[in-house]
Amino acid sequence: MGEVCAFLASQKLKFHSKFDGETVRTGDELQKMLTYYKGGTSVTLTVQSLENGSYVERQIPITLGYKKDSQKQEVQEN
């Protein structure tokens, strides 16, 4: 999940979006949804970005990573 949130922040995207077609409004909602998906699964992340004063919806195909890989990265960062 950290990678998804970091991507959203880096792109200046509004988080009120959709994950695999389901509306997601908070990080907690996204975290709960991710528990139902296996690593390696391809999904579509729908986000809104501000362009010329208006929000434009974009669909971004992503492939989910594995929890074990995320845990390894956290250990390396500490």
PDB file of N, CA and C in Angstrom:
ATOM      1  N   MET A   1       0.812  -1.181   0.000  1.00  0.00           N
ATOM      2  CA  MET A   1       0.000   0.000   0.000  1.00  0.00           C
ATOM      3  C   MET A   1       0.859   1.249   0.000  1.00  0.00           C
ATOM      4  N   GLY A   2       1.993   1.209   0.651  1.00  0.00           N
ATOM      5  CA  GLY A   2       2.856   2.368   0.712  1.00  0.00           C
ATOM      6  C   GLY A   2       3.238   2.866  -0.666  1.00  0.00           C
ATOM      7  N   GLU A   3       3.475   1.937  -1.589  1.00  0.00           N
ATOM      8  CA  GLU A   3       3.863   2.321  -2.933  1.00  0.00           C
ATOM      9  C   GLU A   3       2.721   3.046  -3.642  1.00  0.00           C
ATOM     10  N   VAL A   4       1.486   2.578  -3.455  1.00  0.00           N
ATOM     11  CA  VAL A   4       0.330   3.205  -4.088  1.00  0.00           C
ATOM     12  C   VAL A   4       0.152   4.618  -3.547  1.00  0.00           C
ATOM     13  N   CYS A   5       0.218   4.783  -2.234  1.00  0.00           N
ATOM     14  CA  CYS A   5       0.049   6.116  -1.627  1.00  0.00           C
ATOM     15  C   CYS A   5       1.184   7.052  -2.035  1.00  0.00           C
ATOM     16  N   ALA A   6       2.397   6.536  -2.100  1.00  0.00           N
ATOM     17  CA  ALA A   6       3.535   7.361  -2.518  1.00  0.00           C
ATOM     18  C   ALA A   6       3.349   7.821  -3.959  1.00  0.00           C
ATOM     19  N   PHE A   7       2.854   6.929  -4.811  1.00  0.00           N
ATOM     20  CA  PHE A   7       2.609   7.292  -6.204  1.00  0.00           C
ATOM     21  C   PHE A   7       1.560   8.395  -6.289  1.00  0.00           C
ATOM     22  N   LEU A   8       0.469   8.243  -5.536  1.00  0.00           N
ATOM     23  CA  LEU A   8      -0.583   9.248  -5.558  1.00  0.00           C
ATOM     24  C   LEU A   8      -0.048  10.605  -5.127  1.00  0.00           C
ATOM     25  N   ALA A   9       0.755  10.614  -4.085  1.00  0.00           N
ATOM     26  CA  ALA A   9       1.311  11.870  -3.586  1.00  0.00           C
ATOM     27  C   ALA A   9       2.252  12.495  -4.611  1.00  0.00           C
ATOM     28  N   SER A  10       3.066  11.675  -5.252  1.00  0.00           N
ATOM     29  CA  SER A  10       4.038  12.206  -6.207  1.00  0.00           C
ATOM     30  C   SER A  10       3.369  12.793  -7.447  1.00  0.00           C
ATOM     31  N   GLN A  11       2.194  12.317  -7.768  1.00  0.00           N
ATOM     32  CA  GLN A  11       1.484  12.789  -8.947  1.00  0.00           C
ATOM     33  C   GLN A  11       0.503  13.919  -8.634  1.00  0.00           C
ATOM     34  N   LYS A  12       0.464  14.346  -7.360  1.00  0.00           N
ATOM     35  CA  LYS A  12      -0.472  15.390  -6.925  1.00  0.00           C
ATOM     36  C   LYS A  12      -1.901  15.010  -7.301  1.00  0.00           C
ATOM     37  N   LEU A  13      -2.257  13.791  -7.011  1.00  0.00           N
ATOM     38  CA  LEU A  13      -3.582  13.286  -7.338  1.00  0.00           C
ATOM     39  C   LEU A  13      -4.492  13.356  -6.121  1.00  0.00           C
ATOM     40  N   LYS A  14      -5.729  13.643  -6.351  1.00  0.00           N
ATOM     41  CA  LYS A  14      -6.716  13.643  -5.282  1.00  0.00           C
ATOM     42  C   LYS A  14      -6.996  12.182  -4.930  1.00  0.00           C
ATOM     43  N   PHE A  15      -7.004  11.860  -3.631  1.00  0.00           N
ATOM     44  CA  PHE A  15      -7.128  10.460  -3.248  1.00  0.00           C
ATOM     45  C   PHE A  15      -8.529   9.914  -3.427  1.00  0.00           C
ATOM     46  N   HIS A  16      -9.552  10.748  -3.388  1.00  0.00           N
ATOM     47  CA  HIS A  16     -10.909  10.261  -3.588  1.00  0.00           C
ATOM     48  C   HIS A  16     -10.976   9.628  -4.969  1.00  0.00           C
ATOM     49  N   SER A  17     -10.919   8.315  -5.012  1.00  0.00           N
ATOM     50  CA  SER A  17     -10.752   7.632  -6.280  1.00  0.00           C
ATOM     51  C   SER A  17     -11.370   6.245  -6.222  1.00  0.00           C
ATOM     52  N   LYS A  18     -10.979   5.420  -7.174  1.00  0.00           N
ATOM     53  CA  LYS A  18     -11.487   4.045  -7.228  1.00  0.00           C
ATOM     54  C   LYS A  18     -10.315   3.081  -7.351  1.00  0.00           C
ATOM     55  N   PHE A  19     -10.482   1.934  -6.748  1.00  0.00           N
ATOM     56  CA  PHE A  19      -9.507   0.857  -6.827  1.00  0.00           C
ATOM     57  C   PHE A  19     -10.241  -0.349  -7.359  1.00  0.00           C
ATOM     58  N   ASP A  20      -9.886  -0.783  -8.547  1.00  0.00           N
ATOM     59  CA  ASP A  20     -10.533  -1.915  -9.211  1.00  0.00           C
ATOM     60  C   ASP A  20     -12.047  -1.708  -9.308  1.00  0.00           C
ATOM     61  N   GLY A  21     -12.441  -0.458  -9.589  1.00  0.00           N
ATOM     62  CA  GLY A  21     -13.851  -0.136  -9.786  1.00  0.00           C
ATOM     63  C   GLY A  21     -14.627   0.210  -8.534  1.00  0.00           C
ATOM     64  N   GLU A  22     -14.051   0.025  -7.354  1.00  0.00           N
ATOM     65  CA  GLU A  22     -14.724   0.311  -6.094  1.00  0.00           C
ATOM     66  C   GLU A  22     -14.254   1.661  -5.551  1.00  0.00           C
ATOM     67  N   THR A  23     -15.189   2.504  -5.133  1.00  0.00           N
ATOM     68  CA  THR A  23     -14.836   3.816  -4.599  1.00  0.00           C
ATOM     69  C   THR A  23     -14.031   3.677  -3.310  1.00  0.00           C
ATOM     70  N   VAL A  24     -12.957   4.460  -3.223  1.00  0.00           N
ATOM     71  CA  VAL A  24     -12.083   4.480  -2.052  1.00  0.00           C
ATOM     72  C   VAL A  24     -11.913   5.938  -1.642  1.00  0.00           C
ATOM     73  N   ARG A  25     -12.207   6.250  -0.375  1.00  0.00           N
ATOM     74  CA  ARG A  25     -12.100   7.627   0.091  1.00  0.00           C
ATOM     75  C   ARG A  25     -10.974   7.841   1.089  1.00  0.00           C
ATOM     76  N   THR A  26     -10.513   6.755   1.711  1.00  0.00           N
ATOM     77  CA  THR A  26      -9.476   6.901   2.732  1.00  0.00           C
ATOM     78  C   THR A  26      -8.418   5.815   2.576  1.00  0.00           C
ATOM     79  N   GLY A  27      -7.275   6.041   3.200  1.00  0.00           N
ATOM     80  CA  GLY A  27      -6.223   5.036   3.210  1.00  0.00           C
ATOM     81  C   GLY A  27      -6.661   3.770   3.920  1.00  0.00           C
ATOM     82  N   ASP A  28      -7.473   3.921   4.970  1.00  0.00           N
ATOM     83  CA  ASP A  28      -7.983   2.748   5.688  1.00  0.00           C
ATOM     84  C   ASP A  28      -8.857   1.882   4.786  1.00  0.00           C
ATOM     85  N   GLU A  29      -9.704   2.530   3.979  1.00  0.00           N
ATOM     86  CA  GLU A  29     -10.540   1.776   3.036  1.00  0.00           C
ATOM     87  C   GLU A  29      -9.673   1.025   2.033  1.00  0.00           C
ATOM     88  N   LEU A  30      -8.642   1.689   1.528  1.00  0.00           N
ATOM     89  CA  LEU A  30      -7.740   1.049   0.575  1.00  0.00           C
ATOM     90  C   LEU A  30      -7.019  -0.125   1.225  1.00  0.00           C
ATOM     91  N   GLN A  31      -6.540   0.069   2.437  1.00  0.00           N
ATOM     92  CA  GLN A  31      -5.846  -0.999   3.160  1.00  0.00           C
ATOM     93  C   GLN A  31      -6.752  -2.227   3.307  1.00  0.00           C
ATOM     94  N   LYS A  32      -8.006  -2.007   3.672  1.00  0.00           N
ATOM     95  CA  LYS A  32      -8.951  -3.112   3.834  1.00  0.00           C
ATOM     96  C   LYS A  32      -9.178  -3.830   2.504  1.00  0.00           C
ATOM     97  N   MET A  33      -9.334  -3.058   1.430  1.00  0.00           N
ATOM     98  CA  MET A  33      -9.565  -3.667   0.116  1.00  0.00           C
ATOM     99  C   MET A  33      -8.378  -4.516  -0.324  1.00  0.00           C
ATOM    100  N   LEU A  34      -7.172  -4.049  -0.027  1.00  0.00           N
ATOM    101  CA  LEU A  34      -5.971  -4.764  -0.463  1.00  0.00           C
ATOM    102  C   LEU A  34      -5.858  -6.148   0.166  1.00  0.00           C
ATOM    103  N   THR A  35      -6.508  -6.365   1.299  1.00  0.00           N
ATOM    104  CA  THR A  35      -6.433  -7.678   1.948  1.00  0.00           C
ATOM    105  C   THR A  35      -7.120  -8.764   1.113  1.00  0.00           C
ATOM    106  N   TYR A  36      -7.939  -8.366   0.157  1.00  0.00           N
ATOM    107  CA  TYR A  36      -8.663  -9.332  -0.680  1.00  0.00           C
ATOM    108  C   TYR A  36      -7.947  -9.650  -1.994  1.00  0.00           C
ATOM    109  N   TYR A  37      -6.786  -9.063  -2.216  1.00  0.00           N
ATOM    110  CA  TYR A  37      -6.056  -9.243  -3.470  1.00  0.00           C
ATOM    111  C   TYR A  37      -4.711  -9.910  -3.219  1.00  0.00           C
ATOM    112  N   LYS A  38      -4.306 -10.738  -4.157  1.00  0.00           N
ATOM    113  CA  LYS A  38      -2.990 -11.390  -4.084  1.00  0.00           C
ATOM    114  C   LYS A  38      -1.960 -10.531  -4.809  1.00  0.00           C
ATOM    115  N   GLY A  39      -0.713 -10.633  -4.353  1.00  0.00           N
ATOM    116  CA  GLY A  39       0.376  -9.968  -5.052  1.00  0.00           C
ATOM    117  C   GLY A  39       0.453 -10.482  -6.480  1.00  0.00           C
ATOM    118  N   GLY A  40       0.803  -9.603  -7.396  1.00  0.00           N
ATOM    119  CA  GLY A  40       0.888  -9.972  -8.802  1.00  0.00           C
ATOM    120  C   GLY A  40      -0.409  -9.724  -9.565  1.00  0.00           C
ATOM    121  N   THR A  41      -1.487  -9.398  -8.837  1.00  0.00           N
ATOM    122  CA  THR A  41      -2.770  -9.126  -9.464  1.00  0.00           C
ATOM    123  C   THR A  41      -2.734  -7.764 -10.154  1.00  0.00           C
ATOM    124  N   SER A  42      -3.259  -7.696 -11.362  1.00  0.00           N
ATOM    125  CA  SER A  42      -3.353  -6.425 -12.085  1.00  0.00           C
ATOM    126  C   SER A  42      -4.734  -5.818 -11.837  1.00  0.00           C
ATOM    127  N   VAL A  43      -4.757  -4.543 -11.471  1.00  0.00           N
ATOM    128  CA  VAL A  43      -5.998  -3.817 -11.208  1.00  0.00           C
ATOM    129  C   VAL A  43      -5.898  -2.431 -11.838  1.00  0.00           C
ATOM    130  N   THR A  44      -7.009  -1.724 -11.850  1.00  0.00           N
ATOM    131  CA  THR A  44      -7.021  -0.356 -12.358  1.00  0.00           C
ATOM    132  C   THR A  44      -7.262   0.602 -11.201  1.00  0.00           C
ATOM    133  N   LEU A  45      -6.398   1.572 -11.087  1.00  0.00           N
ATOM    134  CA  LEU A  45      -6.524   2.625 -10.098  1.00  0.00           C
ATOM    135  C   LEU A  45      -7.090   3.840 -10.824  1.00  0.00           C
ATOM    136  N   THR A  46      -8.252   4.316 -10.400  1.00  0.00           N
ATOM    137  CA  THR A  46      -8.866   5.490 -11.003  1.00  0.00           C
ATOM    138  C   THR A  46      -8.662   6.656 -10.049  1.00  0.00           C
ATOM    139  N   VAL A  47      -8.038   7.704 -10.526  1.00  0.00           N
ATOM    140  CA  VAL A  47      -7.724   8.863  -9.689  1.00  0.00           C
ATOM    141  C   VAL A  47      -8.176  10.139 -10.390  1.00  0.00           C
ATOM    142  N   GLN A  48      -8.208  11.208  -9.619  1.00  0.00           N
ATOM    143  CA  GLN A  48      -8.551  12.508 -10.168  1.00  0.00           C
ATOM    144  C   GLN A  48      -7.360  13.429  -9.977  1.00  0.00           C
ATOM    145  N   SER A  49      -6.986  14.147 -11.026  1.00  0.00           N
ATOM    146  CA  SER A  49      -5.893  15.109 -10.923  1.00  0.00           C
ATOM    147  C   SER A  49      -6.394  16.471 -11.377  1.00  0.00           C
ATOM    148  N   LEU A  50      -5.820  17.492 -10.778  1.00  0.00           N
ATOM    149  CA  LEU A  50      -6.224  18.862 -11.084  1.00  0.00           C
ATOM    150  C   LEU A  50      -5.519  19.344 -12.352  1.00  0.00           C
ATOM    151  N   GLU A  51      -6.313  19.729 -13.341  1.00  0.00           N
ATOM    152  CA  GLU A  51      -5.786  20.259 -14.595  1.00  0.00           C
ATOM    153  C   GLU A  51      -6.598  21.487 -14.986  1.00  0.00           C
ATOM    154  N   ASN A  52      -5.920  22.613 -15.104  1.00  0.00           N
ATOM    155  CA  ASN A  52      -6.580  23.862 -15.507  1.00  0.00           C
ATOM    156  C   ASN A  52      -7.791  24.187 -14.634  1.00  0.00           C
ATOM    157  N   GLY A  53      -7.678  23.946 -13.339  1.00  0.00           N
ATOM    158  CA  GLY A  53      -8.740  24.300 -12.405  1.00  0.00           C
ATOM    159  C   GLY A  53      -9.868  23.300 -12.288  1.00  0.00           C
ATOM    160  N   SER A  54      -9.789  22.184 -13.014  1.00  0.00           N
ATOM    161  CA  SER A  54     -10.831  21.156 -12.953  1.00  0.00           C
ATOM    162  C   SER A  54     -10.201  19.797 -12.697  1.00  0.00           C
ATOM    163  N   TYR A  55     -10.936  18.933 -11.998  1.00  0.00           N
ATOM    164  CA  TYR A  55     -10.440  17.583 -11.775  1.00  0.00           C
ATOM    165  C   TYR A  55     -10.756  16.705 -12.982  1.00  0.00           C
ATOM    166  N   VAL A  56      -9.738  15.997 -13.436  1.00  0.00           N
ATOM    167  CA  VAL A  56      -9.860  15.091 -14.577  1.00  0.00           C
ATOM    168  C   VAL A  56      -9.604  13.672 -14.076  1.00  0.00           C
ATOM    169  N   GLU A  57     -10.484  12.760 -14.423  1.00  0.00           N
ATOM    170  CA  GLU A  57     -10.347  11.374 -13.989  1.00  0.00           C
ATOM    171  C   GLU A  57      -9.387  10.635 -14.913  1.00  0.00           C
ATOM    172  N   ARG A  58      -8.486   9.864 -14.296  1.00  0.00           N
ATOM    173  CA  ARG A  58      -7.532   9.059 -15.064  1.00  0.00           C
ATOM    174  C   ARG A  58      -7.568   7.628 -14.556  1.00  0.00           C
ATOM    175  N   GLN A  59      -7.361   6.686 -15.456  1.00  0.00           N
ATOM    176  CA  GLN A  59      -7.288   5.277 -15.081  1.00  0.00           C
ATOM    177  C   GLN A  59      -5.856   4.808 -15.280  1.00  0.00           C
ATOM    178  N   ILE A  60      -5.297   4.229 -14.210  1.00  0.00           N
ATOM    179  CA  ILE A  60      -3.908   3.797 -14.227  1.00  0.00           C
ATOM    180  C   ILE A  60      -3.859   2.291 -13.936  1.00  0.00           C
ATOM    181  N   PRO A  61      -3.407   1.491 -14.899  1.00  0.00           N
ATOM    182  CA  PRO A  61      -3.267   0.057 -14.635  1.00  0.00           C
ATOM    183  C   PRO A  61      -2.041  -0.171 -13.746  1.00  0.00           C
ATOM    184  N   ILE A  62      -2.210  -0.957 -12.689  1.00  0.00           N
ATOM    185  CA  ILE A  62      -1.093  -1.287 -11.802  1.00  0.00           C
ATOM    186  C   ILE A  62      -1.089  -2.781 -11.506  1.00  0.00           C
ATOM    187  N   THR A  63       0.073  -3.286 -11.158  1.00  0.00           N
ATOM    188  CA  THR A  63       0.211  -4.662 -10.706  1.00  0.00           C
ATOM    189  C   THR A  63       0.648  -4.606  -9.253  1.00  0.00           C
ATOM    190  N   LEU A  64      -0.123  -5.253  -8.406  1.00  0.00           N
ATOM    191  CA  LEU A  64       0.157  -5.218  -6.975  1.00  0.00           C
ATOM    192  C   LEU A  64       1.416  -5.989  -6.638  1.00  0.00           C
ATOM    193  N   GLY A  65       2.171  -5.449  -5.699  1.00  0.00           N
ATOM    194  CA  GLY A  65       3.357  -6.139  -5.215  1.00  0.00           C
ATOM    195  C   GLY A  65       2.978  -7.150  -4.148  1.00  0.00           C
ATOM    196  N   TYR A  66       3.998  -7.741  -3.551  1.00  0.00           N
ATOM    197  CA  TYR A  66       3.800  -8.738  -2.509  1.00  0.00           C
ATOM    198  C   TYR A  66       4.143  -8.129  -1.156  1.00  0.00           C
ATOM    199  N   LYS A  67       3.380  -8.502  -0.136  1.00  0.00           N
ATOM    200  CA  LYS A  67       3.587  -7.973   1.200  1.00  0.00           C
ATOM    201  C   LYS A  67       5.013  -8.232   1.683  1.00  0.00           C
ATOM    202  N   LYS A  68       5.538  -9.399   1.391  1.00  0.00           N
ATOM    203  CA  LYS A  68       6.897  -9.739   1.838  1.00  0.00           C
ATOM    204  C   LYS A  68       7.932  -8.791   1.241  1.00  0.00           C
ATOM    205  N   ASP A  69       7.725  -8.351  -0.001  1.00  0.00           N
ATOM    206  CA  ASP A  69       8.653  -7.407  -0.636  1.00  0.00           C
ATOM    207  C   ASP A  69       8.593  -6.052   0.054  1.00  0.00           C
ATOM    208  N   SER A  70       7.401  -5.635   0.449  1.00  0.00           N
ATOM    209  CA  SER A  70       7.224  -4.371   1.154  1.00  0.00           C
ATOM    210  C   SER A  70       7.911  -4.414   2.521  1.00  0.00           C
ATOM    211  N   GLN A  71       7.805  -5.554   3.196  1.00  0.00           N
ATOM    212  CA  GLN A  71       8.424  -5.706   4.508  1.00  0.00           C
ATOM    213  C   GLN A  71       9.942  -5.676   4.386  1.00  0.00           C
ATOM    214  N   LYS A  72      10.496  -6.264   3.335  1.00  0.00           N
ATOM    215  CA  LYS A  72      11.942  -6.225   3.113  1.00  0.00           C
ATOM    216  C   LYS A  72      12.406  -4.792   2.918  1.00  0.00           C
ATOM    217  N   GLN A  73      11.642  -4.019   2.164  1.00  0.00           N
ATOM    218  CA  GLN A  73      12.012  -2.628   1.903  1.00  0.00           C
ATOM    219  C   GLN A  73      11.999  -1.826   3.203  1.00  0.00           C
ATOM    220  N   GLU A  74      10.999  -2.058   4.077  1.00  0.00           N
ATOM    221  CA  GLU A  74      10.927  -1.346   5.347  1.00  0.00           C
ATOM    222  C   GLU A  74      12.143  -1.647   6.198  1.00  0.00           C
ATOM    223  N   VAL A  75      12.602  -2.881   6.227  1.00  0.00           N
ATOM    224  CA  VAL A  75      13.771  -3.265   7.013  1.00  0.00           C
ATOM    225  C   VAL A  75      15.008  -2.567   6.468  1.00  0.00           C
ATOM    226  N   GLN A  76      15.152  -2.518   5.154  1.00  0.00           N
ATOM    227  CA  GLN A  76      16.307  -1.876   4.540  1.00  0.00           C
ATOM    228  C   GLN A  76      16.340  -0.377   4.821  1.00  0.00           C
ATOM    229  N   GLU A  77      15.168   0.265   4.883  1.00  0.00           N
ATOM    230  CA  GLU A  77      15.090   1.706   5.139  1.00  0.00           C
ATOM    231  C   GLU A  77      15.424   2.027   6.593  1.00  0.00           C
ATOM    232  N   ASN A  78      15.176   1.104   7.508  1.00  0.00           N
ATOM    233  CA  ASN A  78      15.452   1.342   8.931  1.00  0.00           C
ATOM    234  C   ASN A  78      16.858   0.990   9.204  1.00  0.00           C
TER     235      ASN A  78
END
